[in-house]
């Protein structure tokens, strides 16, 4: 299963996987507007992969099969205030 991977110039660490290179016909217009002009990164064969760096391989394959695209968002940032409170014991019940 070949897929083309694009990165967003508007959103850091955000990637879009599509079934065919330069074919964004299955991607909703509001998503494309948020994503911005896609910048081509690479073409990969998912059938020959055991894992992907930032996404679950089976989730990506399923999304490509079901909807024709997969959007990979960056992991959520840690809430530093919450972490500090935990370290200082301020979040005790």
N, C-alpha and C. Protein backbone atom coordinates (compact mmCIF):
# COMPACT_ATOMS: atom_id res chain seq x y z
N UNK A 1 0.85 -1.17 0.00
CA UNK A 1 0.00 0.00 0.00
C UNK A 1 0.89 1.24 0.00
N UNK A 2 0.96 1.92 -1.14
CA UNK A 2 1.75 3.14 -1.25
C UNK A 2 0.96 4.33 -0.75
N UNK A 3 1.65 5.24 -0.11
CA UNK A 3 1.02 6.48 0.35
C UNK A 3 2.01 7.62 0.21
N UNK A 4 1.48 8.78 -0.13
CA UNK A 4 2.31 9.98 -0.22
C UNK A 4 2.14 10.76 1.07
N UNK A 5 3.24 11.29 1.58
CA UNK A 5 3.24 12.02 2.85
C UNK A 5 3.61 13.47 2.58
N UNK A 6 2.82 14.37 3.18
CA UNK A 6 3.04 15.80 3.04
C UNK A 6 3.11 16.43 4.42
N UNK A 7 3.88 17.51 4.53
CA UNK A 7 3.91 18.25 5.79
C UNK A 7 3.24 19.60 5.59
N UNK A 8 2.74 20.12 6.69
CA UNK A 8 2.07 21.41 6.67
C UNK A 8 3.08 22.52 6.91
N UNK A 9 2.95 23.60 6.15
CA UNK A 9 3.78 24.78 6.40
C UNK A 9 3.15 25.65 7.48
N UNK A 10 1.84 25.46 7.72
CA UNK A 10 1.12 26.26 8.71
C UNK A 10 1.19 25.67 10.11
N UNK A 11 1.16 24.34 10.20
CA UNK A 11 1.09 23.66 11.50
C UNK A 11 2.33 22.79 11.69
N UNK A 12 3.13 23.10 12.68
CA UNK A 12 4.35 22.37 12.96
C UNK A 12 4.05 20.90 13.29
N UNK A 13 4.87 20.00 12.79
CA UNK A 13 4.78 18.56 13.06
C UNK A 13 3.42 17.98 12.69
N UNK A 14 2.78 18.51 11.65
CA UNK A 14 1.51 18.00 11.18
C UNK A 14 1.71 17.45 9.77
N UNK A 15 1.28 16.19 9.57
CA UNK A 15 1.50 15.50 8.31
C UNK A 15 0.19 14.95 7.76
N UNK A 16 0.11 14.91 6.43
CA UNK A 16 -1.08 14.40 5.75
C UNK A 16 -0.64 13.25 4.86
N UNK A 17 -1.28 12.09 5.03
CA UNK A 17 -1.02 10.92 4.21
C UNK A 17 -2.18 10.79 3.23
N UNK A 18 -1.89 10.65 1.95
CA UNK A 18 -2.92 10.44 0.93
C UNK A 18 -2.57 9.23 0.08
N UNK A 19 -3.59 8.68 -0.56
CA UNK A 19 -3.40 7.45 -1.34
C UNK A 19 -2.52 7.65 -2.57
N UNK A 20 -2.67 8.78 -3.24
CA UNK A 20 -1.91 9.04 -4.46
C UNK A 20 -1.26 10.41 -4.37
N UNK A 21 -0.06 10.50 -4.90
CA UNK A 21 0.69 11.76 -4.84
C UNK A 21 -0.11 12.88 -5.52
N UNK A 22 -0.20 13.99 -4.83
CA UNK A 22 -0.87 15.21 -5.31
C UNK A 22 -2.37 15.04 -5.54
N UNK A 23 -2.99 14.01 -4.97
CA UNK A 23 -4.44 13.83 -5.10
C UNK A 23 -5.08 14.09 -3.73
N UNK A 24 -5.62 15.29 -3.57
CA UNK A 24 -6.23 15.69 -2.31
C UNK A 24 -7.76 15.73 -2.43
N UNK A 25 -8.30 15.05 -3.42
CA UNK A 25 -9.74 15.09 -3.70
C UNK A 25 -10.59 14.52 -2.57
N UNK A 26 -10.05 13.62 -1.77
CA UNK A 26 -10.80 13.01 -0.67
C UNK A 26 -10.63 13.75 0.66
N UNK A 27 -9.75 14.73 0.68
CA UNK A 27 -9.50 15.51 1.90
C UNK A 27 -10.52 16.65 1.96
N UNK A 28 -11.26 16.77 3.07
CA UNK A 28 -12.25 17.85 3.18
C UNK A 28 -11.62 19.24 3.02
N UNK A 29 -12.34 20.13 2.38
CA UNK A 29 -11.84 21.48 2.11
C UNK A 29 -11.45 22.24 3.39
N UNK A 30 -12.26 22.17 4.47
CA UNK A 30 -11.84 22.87 5.70
C UNK A 30 -10.51 22.36 6.25
N UNK A 31 -10.26 21.06 6.11
CA UNK A 31 -8.99 20.50 6.57
C UNK A 31 -7.84 21.01 5.70
N UNK A 32 -8.06 21.07 4.39
CA UNK A 32 -7.01 21.59 3.51
C UNK A 32 -6.72 23.06 3.80
N UNK A 33 -7.76 23.83 4.13
CA UNK A 33 -7.56 25.24 4.46
C UNK A 33 -6.73 25.39 5.73
N UNK A 34 -7.00 24.55 6.73
CA UNK A 34 -6.24 24.57 7.98
C UNK A 34 -4.81 24.09 7.75
N UNK A 35 -4.65 23.07 6.92
CA UNK A 35 -3.35 22.46 6.67
C UNK A 35 -2.44 23.39 5.87
N UNK A 36 -3.02 24.14 4.96
CA UNK A 36 -2.22 25.01 4.10
C UNK A 36 -1.71 24.26 2.88
N UNK A 37 -0.86 24.89 2.12
CA UNK A 37 -0.31 24.24 0.92
C UNK A 37 0.59 23.08 1.34
N UNK A 38 0.22 21.85 0.94
CA UNK A 38 1.01 20.69 1.34
C UNK A 38 2.41 20.70 0.71
N UNK A 39 3.38 20.34 1.51
CA UNK A 39 4.76 20.23 1.02
C UNK A 39 5.12 18.75 0.99
N UNK A 40 5.39 18.23 -0.20
CA UNK A 40 5.69 16.81 -0.38
C UNK A 40 6.93 16.42 0.43
N UNK A 41 6.81 15.28 1.14
CA UNK A 41 7.93 14.77 1.94
C UNK A 41 8.48 13.49 1.33
N UNK A 42 7.60 12.48 1.13
CA UNK A 42 8.07 11.21 0.61
C UNK A 42 6.91 10.31 0.21
N UNK A 43 7.23 9.27 -0.53
CA UNK A 43 6.30 8.21 -0.88
C UNK A 43 6.77 6.97 -0.13
N UNK A 44 5.87 6.34 0.64
CA UNK A 44 6.28 5.15 1.39
C UNK A 44 5.32 4.00 1.12
N UNK A 45 5.85 2.79 1.22
CA UNK A 45 5.05 1.59 1.06
C UNK A 45 4.70 1.08 2.46
N UNK A 46 3.46 1.26 2.86
CA UNK A 46 3.03 0.85 4.21
C UNK A 46 3.04 -0.67 4.37
N UNK A 47 2.91 -1.40 3.28
CA UNK A 47 2.90 -2.87 3.35
C UNK A 47 4.25 -3.42 3.80
N UNK A 48 5.30 -2.67 3.56
CA UNK A 48 6.65 -3.13 3.92
C UNK A 48 7.13 -2.55 5.24
N UNK A 49 6.26 -1.84 5.95
CA UNK A 49 6.62 -1.23 7.23
C UNK A 49 6.07 -2.04 8.38
N UNK A 50 6.80 -2.02 9.47
CA UNK A 50 6.32 -2.65 10.70
C UNK A 50 5.78 -1.60 11.65
N UNK A 51 6.25 -0.36 11.52
CA UNK A 51 5.78 0.75 12.36
C UNK A 51 6.09 2.07 11.67
N UNK A 52 5.45 3.11 12.15
CA UNK A 52 5.73 4.47 11.68
C UNK A 52 6.22 5.28 12.86
N UNK A 53 6.94 6.33 12.59
CA UNK A 53 7.51 7.14 13.66
C UNK A 53 6.50 7.74 14.62
N UNK A 54 5.54 8.49 14.11
CA UNK A 54 4.64 9.22 15.00
C UNK A 54 3.19 8.78 14.95
N UNK A 55 2.89 7.68 14.25
CA UNK A 55 1.51 7.25 14.11
C UNK A 55 1.43 5.73 14.15
N UNK A 56 0.27 5.23 14.54
CA UNK A 56 0.04 3.79 14.56
C UNK A 56 -0.19 3.32 13.12
N UNK A 57 0.58 2.35 12.67
CA UNK A 57 0.53 1.88 11.29
C UNK A 57 -0.86 1.39 10.90
N UNK A 58 -1.50 0.62 11.74
CA UNK A 58 -2.83 0.08 11.41
C UNK A 58 -3.88 1.18 11.34
N UNK A 59 -3.75 2.19 12.19
CA UNK A 59 -4.67 3.34 12.15
C UNK A 59 -4.52 4.10 10.84
N UNK A 60 -3.30 4.29 10.40
CA UNK A 60 -3.04 4.98 9.14
C UNK A 60 -3.63 4.19 7.98
N UNK A 61 -3.35 2.89 7.95
CA UNK A 61 -3.88 2.03 6.87
C UNK A 61 -5.41 2.06 6.86
N UNK A 62 -6.01 1.96 8.02
CA UNK A 62 -7.47 1.98 8.11
C UNK A 62 -8.06 3.29 7.63
N UNK A 63 -7.46 4.40 8.01
CA UNK A 63 -7.96 5.71 7.59
C UNK A 63 -7.82 5.89 6.09
N UNK A 64 -6.69 5.44 5.53
CA UNK A 64 -6.51 5.54 4.08
C UNK A 64 -7.54 4.71 3.33
N UNK A 65 -7.83 3.52 3.84
CA UNK A 65 -8.83 2.66 3.21
C UNK A 65 -10.23 3.23 3.35
N UNK A 66 -10.59 3.71 4.55
CA UNK A 66 -11.94 4.18 4.83
C UNK A 66 -12.24 5.57 4.26
N UNK A 67 -11.28 6.50 4.40
CA UNK A 67 -11.58 7.88 4.00
C UNK A 67 -10.64 8.45 2.96
N UNK A 68 -9.57 7.75 2.65
CA UNK A 68 -8.67 8.21 1.60
C UNK A 68 -7.55 9.12 2.06
N UNK A 69 -7.48 9.40 3.36
CA UNK A 69 -6.41 10.24 3.89
C UNK A 69 -6.25 9.97 5.39
N UNK A 70 -5.12 10.39 5.92
CA UNK A 70 -4.87 10.33 7.37
C UNK A 70 -4.13 11.59 7.77
N UNK A 71 -4.59 12.24 8.82
CA UNK A 71 -3.95 13.43 9.34
C UNK A 71 -3.19 13.07 10.61
N UNK A 72 -1.89 13.29 10.61
CA UNK A 72 -1.06 13.04 11.79
C UNK A 72 -0.77 14.36 12.47
N UNK A 73 -1.27 14.50 13.69
CA UNK A 73 -1.06 15.70 14.48
C UNK A 73 0.10 15.49 15.45
N UNK A 74 0.73 16.57 15.88
CA UNK A 74 1.81 16.41 16.86
C UNK A 74 1.25 15.95 18.20
N UNK A 75 2.06 15.26 18.99
CA UNK A 75 1.57 14.84 20.31
C UNK A 75 1.24 16.07 21.15
N UNK A 76 0.27 15.93 22.05
CA UNK A 76 -0.08 17.09 22.89
C UNK A 76 1.09 17.48 23.78
N UNK A 77 1.22 18.76 23.99
CA UNK A 77 2.29 19.25 24.85
C UNK A 77 1.92 19.02 26.31
N UNK A 78 2.93 18.76 27.12
CA UNK A 78 2.69 18.60 28.55
C UNK A 78 2.27 19.94 29.16
N UNK A 79 1.34 19.86 30.07
CA UNK A 79 0.93 21.06 30.80
C UNK A 79 1.95 21.25 31.91
N UNK A 80 2.82 22.21 31.75
CA UNK A 80 3.92 22.40 32.70
C UNK A 80 3.43 22.80 34.08
N UNK A 81 2.32 23.53 34.18
CA UNK A 81 1.77 23.91 35.47
C UNK A 81 1.28 22.67 36.22
N UNK A 82 0.60 21.78 35.52
CA UNK A 82 0.13 20.54 36.14
C UNK A 82 1.30 19.70 36.61
N UNK A 83 2.33 19.59 35.79
CA UNK A 83 3.52 18.82 36.17
C UNK A 83 4.19 19.41 37.41
N UNK A 84 4.31 20.73 37.46
CA UNK A 84 4.92 21.39 38.61
C UNK A 84 4.10 21.13 39.87
N UNK A 85 2.78 21.20 39.76
CA UNK A 85 1.91 20.95 40.91
C UNK A 85 2.08 19.52 41.41
N UNK A 86 2.19 18.57 40.49
CA UNK A 86 2.41 17.17 40.88
C UNK A 86 3.72 17.02 41.62
N UNK A 87 4.75 17.65 41.09
CA UNK A 87 6.08 17.54 41.71
C UNK A 87 6.09 18.17 43.11
N UNK A 88 5.30 19.19 43.32
CA UNK A 88 5.27 19.89 44.61
C UNK A 88 4.16 19.39 45.53
N UNK A 89 3.43 18.37 45.09
CA UNK A 89 2.40 17.79 45.92
C UNK A 89 1.13 18.63 46.02
N UNK A 90 0.93 19.57 45.12
CA UNK A 90 -0.24 20.44 45.18
C UNK A 90 -1.50 19.78 44.62
N UNK A 91 -1.36 18.65 43.93
CA UNK A 91 -2.52 17.97 43.35
C UNK A 91 -2.99 16.78 44.18
N UNK A 92 -2.66 16.76 45.42
CA UNK A 92 -3.09 15.64 46.28
C UNK A 92 -4.57 15.72 46.57
N UNK A 93 -5.20 14.56 46.65
CA UNK A 93 -6.63 14.51 46.97
C UNK A 93 -6.89 14.53 48.45
